[in-house]
Amino acid sequence: LPPEARPTSVHFGPDIVTLEGYTTKFRADEENNFLEVLLFWRNGDAPVTRDLLVRVNLMNADGQPVYAILDQPGEKLFPSQSWTPGMLLVDRYALKRPIPAAGTYTVTVTLFDSSADDPLPATSDSGAPLADSTFVIPSIPVPSVP
């Protein structure tokens, strides 16, 4: 992982993939302000035999979703069934921030088998299940944009 990454050890499936870490940073273009989230996935010891989907939500301080992305990890460039055992995948999400953009946000990450409605089970490194099978990046203070 890059030095700026925050390490995690969240297992999905439970043995399909591991979320090993993430980074967050702010960026803007002429029209929008974004919170960019990089997720670092590592494939398990066996090939992935299903198509995976990731849902990444930007949640406001009241816990309400303000922006969501549902997509394949790697934006369809690396379909999950092509991952090799132990492969590390860097996955980028640009979450558009609402106006006014300042405030404290959280980001939630949930992994799905594309053929199922329920998320894949998610557990911490200790084996404890995560609520709603969802990893939460807590308390990201978003600065105001001039």
Protein backbone atom coordinates (compact mmCIF):
# COMPACT_ATOMS: atom_id res chain seq x y z
CA LEU A 1 0.00 0.00 0.00
CA PRO A 2 1.16 3.56 -0.54
CA PRO A 3 2.34 5.33 2.63
CA GLU A 4 -0.69 7.66 2.70
CA ALA A 5 -3.15 4.72 2.71
CA ARG A 6 -5.03 3.89 5.87
CA PRO A 7 -4.76 0.14 6.38
CA THR A 8 -7.85 -1.94 6.97
CA SER A 9 -8.45 -5.65 6.99
CA VAL A 10 -12.04 -6.23 6.00
CA HIS A 11 -12.86 -9.59 4.48
CA PHE A 12 -15.80 -9.91 2.09
CA GLY A 13 -17.41 -13.12 1.11
CA PRO A 14 -15.77 -13.97 3.68
CA ASP A 15 -12.84 -15.39 1.68
CA ILE A 16 -13.38 -13.76 -1.70
CA VAL A 17 -11.55 -10.42 -1.36
CA THR A 18 -10.05 -8.24 1.35
CA LEU A 19 -10.23 -4.47 1.54
CA GLU A 20 -6.65 -3.78 2.61
CA GLY A 21 -6.77 0.00 2.78
CA TYR A 22 -8.07 3.28 1.44
CA THR A 23 -7.19 6.92 0.86
CA THR A 24 -9.38 10.00 0.63
CA LYS A 25 -8.63 13.39 -0.89
CA PHE A 26 -10.52 16.41 -2.11
CA ARG A 27 -10.48 17.70 -5.65
CA ALA A 28 -12.53 20.03 -7.82
CA ASP A 29 -13.07 20.90 -11.44
CA GLU A 30 -14.80 23.93 -12.94
CA GLU A 31 -18.28 22.58 -12.12
CA ASN A 32 -18.07 20.15 -9.21
CA ASN A 33 -16.32 19.35 -5.94
CA PHE A 34 -15.39 15.76 -5.22
CA LEU A 35 -14.24 13.50 -2.44
CA GLU A 36 -12.01 10.97 -4.15
CA VAL A 37 -11.79 7.57 -2.48
CA LEU A 38 -9.20 4.97 -3.48
CA LEU A 39 -9.87 1.43 -2.31
CA PHE A 40 -7.15 -1.22 -2.27
CA TRP A 41 -8.63 -4.70 -2.82
CA ARG A 42 -6.69 -7.96 -2.60
CA ASN A 43 -8.06 -11.11 -4.14
CA GLY A 44 -8.11 -14.21 -1.96
CA ASP A 45 -6.18 -17.42 -2.60
CA ALA A 46 -8.72 -18.70 -5.13
CA PRO A 47 -9.93 -17.13 -8.37
CA VAL A 48 -13.12 -15.08 -8.13
CA THR A 49 -15.89 -17.04 -9.82
CA ARG A 50 -18.57 -14.33 -9.82
CA ASP A 51 -19.02 -10.75 -10.95
CA LEU A 52 -18.64 -8.34 -8.05
CA LEU A 53 -20.26 -4.94 -7.59
CA VAL A 54 -19.19 -2.24 -5.13
CA ARG A 55 -21.58 0.34 -3.71
CA VAL A 56 -19.84 3.43 -2.33
CA ASN A 57 -22.05 6.00 -0.58
CA LEU A 58 -21.19 9.50 0.57
CA MET A 59 -23.25 10.14 3.72
CA ASN A 60 -23.86 13.54 5.31
CA ALA A 61 -23.56 14.28 9.05
CA ASP A 62 -27.19 13.15 9.51
CA GLY A 63 -26.41 9.73 8.03
CA GLN A 64 -28.32 10.43 4.81
CA PRO A 65 -26.82 9.42 1.45
CA VAL A 66 -25.95 12.42 -0.71
CA TYR A 67 -24.15 10.63 -3.53
CA ALA A 68 -23.76 6.96 -4.48
CA ILE A 69 -21.87 4.88 -7.00
CA LEU A 70 -22.64 1.25 -7.84
CA ASP A 71 -20.07 -0.23 -10.21
CA GLN A 72 -17.72 -3.11 -10.77
CA PRO A 73 -14.38 -2.75 -8.99
CA GLY A 74 -11.88 -1.17 -11.37
CA GLU A 75 -14.62 0.45 -13.49
CA LYS A 76 -15.03 -2.66 -15.68
CA LEU A 77 -11.36 -2.54 -16.75
CA PHE A 78 -10.52 -5.54 -14.57
CA PRO A 79 -13.61 -7.78 -14.28
CA SER A 80 -13.47 -9.64 -10.99
CA GLN A 81 -13.43 -13.03 -12.72
CA SER A 82 -10.10 -12.03 -14.32
CA TRP A 83 -8.39 -11.39 -10.96
CA THR A 84 -5.58 -13.77 -10.13
CA PRO A 85 -5.06 -15.15 -6.62
CA GLY A 86 -3.40 -12.53 -4.40
CA MET A 87 -3.84 -9.74 -6.97
CA LEU A 88 -3.99 -6.17 -5.60
CA LEU A 89 -6.47 -3.86 -7.36
CA VAL A 90 -6.61 -0.08 -6.92
CA ASP A 91 -10.19 1.11 -7.27
CA ARG A 92 -11.12 4.82 -7.61
CA TYR A 93 -14.44 6.54 -6.78
CA ALA A 94 -15.10 10.26 -7.33
CA LEU A 95 -18.00 11.14 -5.02
CA LYS A 96 -19.62 14.44 -5.96
CA ARG A 97 -20.10 16.64 -2.92
CA PRO A 98 -23.29 18.62 -2.45
CA ILE A 99 -23.40 22.40 -2.14
CA PRO A 100 -22.56 23.71 0.38
CA ALA A 101 -19.72 21.24 0.39
CA ALA A 102 -18.32 21.87 3.86
CA GLY A 103 -19.22 19.51 6.68
CA THR A 104 -18.40 16.11 8.08
CA TYR A 105 -19.13 13.08 5.93
CA THR A 106 -18.74 9.32 6.11
CA VAL A 107 -18.26 6.89 3.26
CA THR A 108 -19.75 3.41 3.24
CA VAL A 109 -18.43 0.50 1.15
CA THR A 110 -20.52 -2.59 0.47
CA LEU A 111 -19.65 -5.49 -1.85
CA PHE A 112 -22.22 -7.56 -3.76
CA ASP A 113 -22.34 -10.62 -5.96
CA SER A 114 -24.00 -9.17 -9.07
CA SER A 115 -26.46 -12.08 -9.18
CA ALA A 116 -27.71 -11.53 -5.60
CA ASP A 117 -29.66 -8.80 -3.82
CA ASP A 118 -27.97 -9.15 -0.43
CA PRO A 119 -24.41 -7.93 0.17
CA LEU A 120 -21.55 -10.34 0.70
CA PRO A 121 -20.84 -10.89 4.38
CA ALA A 122 -18.13 -8.55 5.68
CA THR A 123 -15.98 -9.26 8.72
CA SER A 124 -13.10 -7.57 10.49
CA ASP A 125 -9.72 -9.25 10.80
CA SER A 126 -10.84 -10.64 14.17
CA GLY A 127 -13.82 -12.31 12.46
CA ALA A 128 -16.42 -9.94 13.91
CA PRO A 129 -19.23 -9.24 11.42
CA LEU A 130 -19.64 -5.65 10.23
CA ALA A 131 -23.08 -4.06 10.60
CA ASP A 132 -25.05 -4.35 7.36
CA SER A 133 -21.98 -6.06 5.80
CA THR A 134 -20.65 -2.55 5.22
CA PHE A 135 -17.27 -0.95 5.88
CA VAL A 136 -17.49 2.67 7.11
CA ILE A 137 -14.85 5.35 6.63
CA PRO A 138 -15.84 7.66 9.51
CA SER A 139 -15.71 11.41 10.06
CA ILE A 140 -14.16 12.90 6.97
CA PRO A 141 -14.15 16.69 7.49
CA VAL A 142 -14.71 18.36 4.14
CA PRO A 143 -13.38 21.93 3.94
CA SER A 144 -15.39 24.69 2.34
CA VAL A 145 -14.47 25.60 -1.21
CA PRO A 146 -13.91 29.26 -2.08
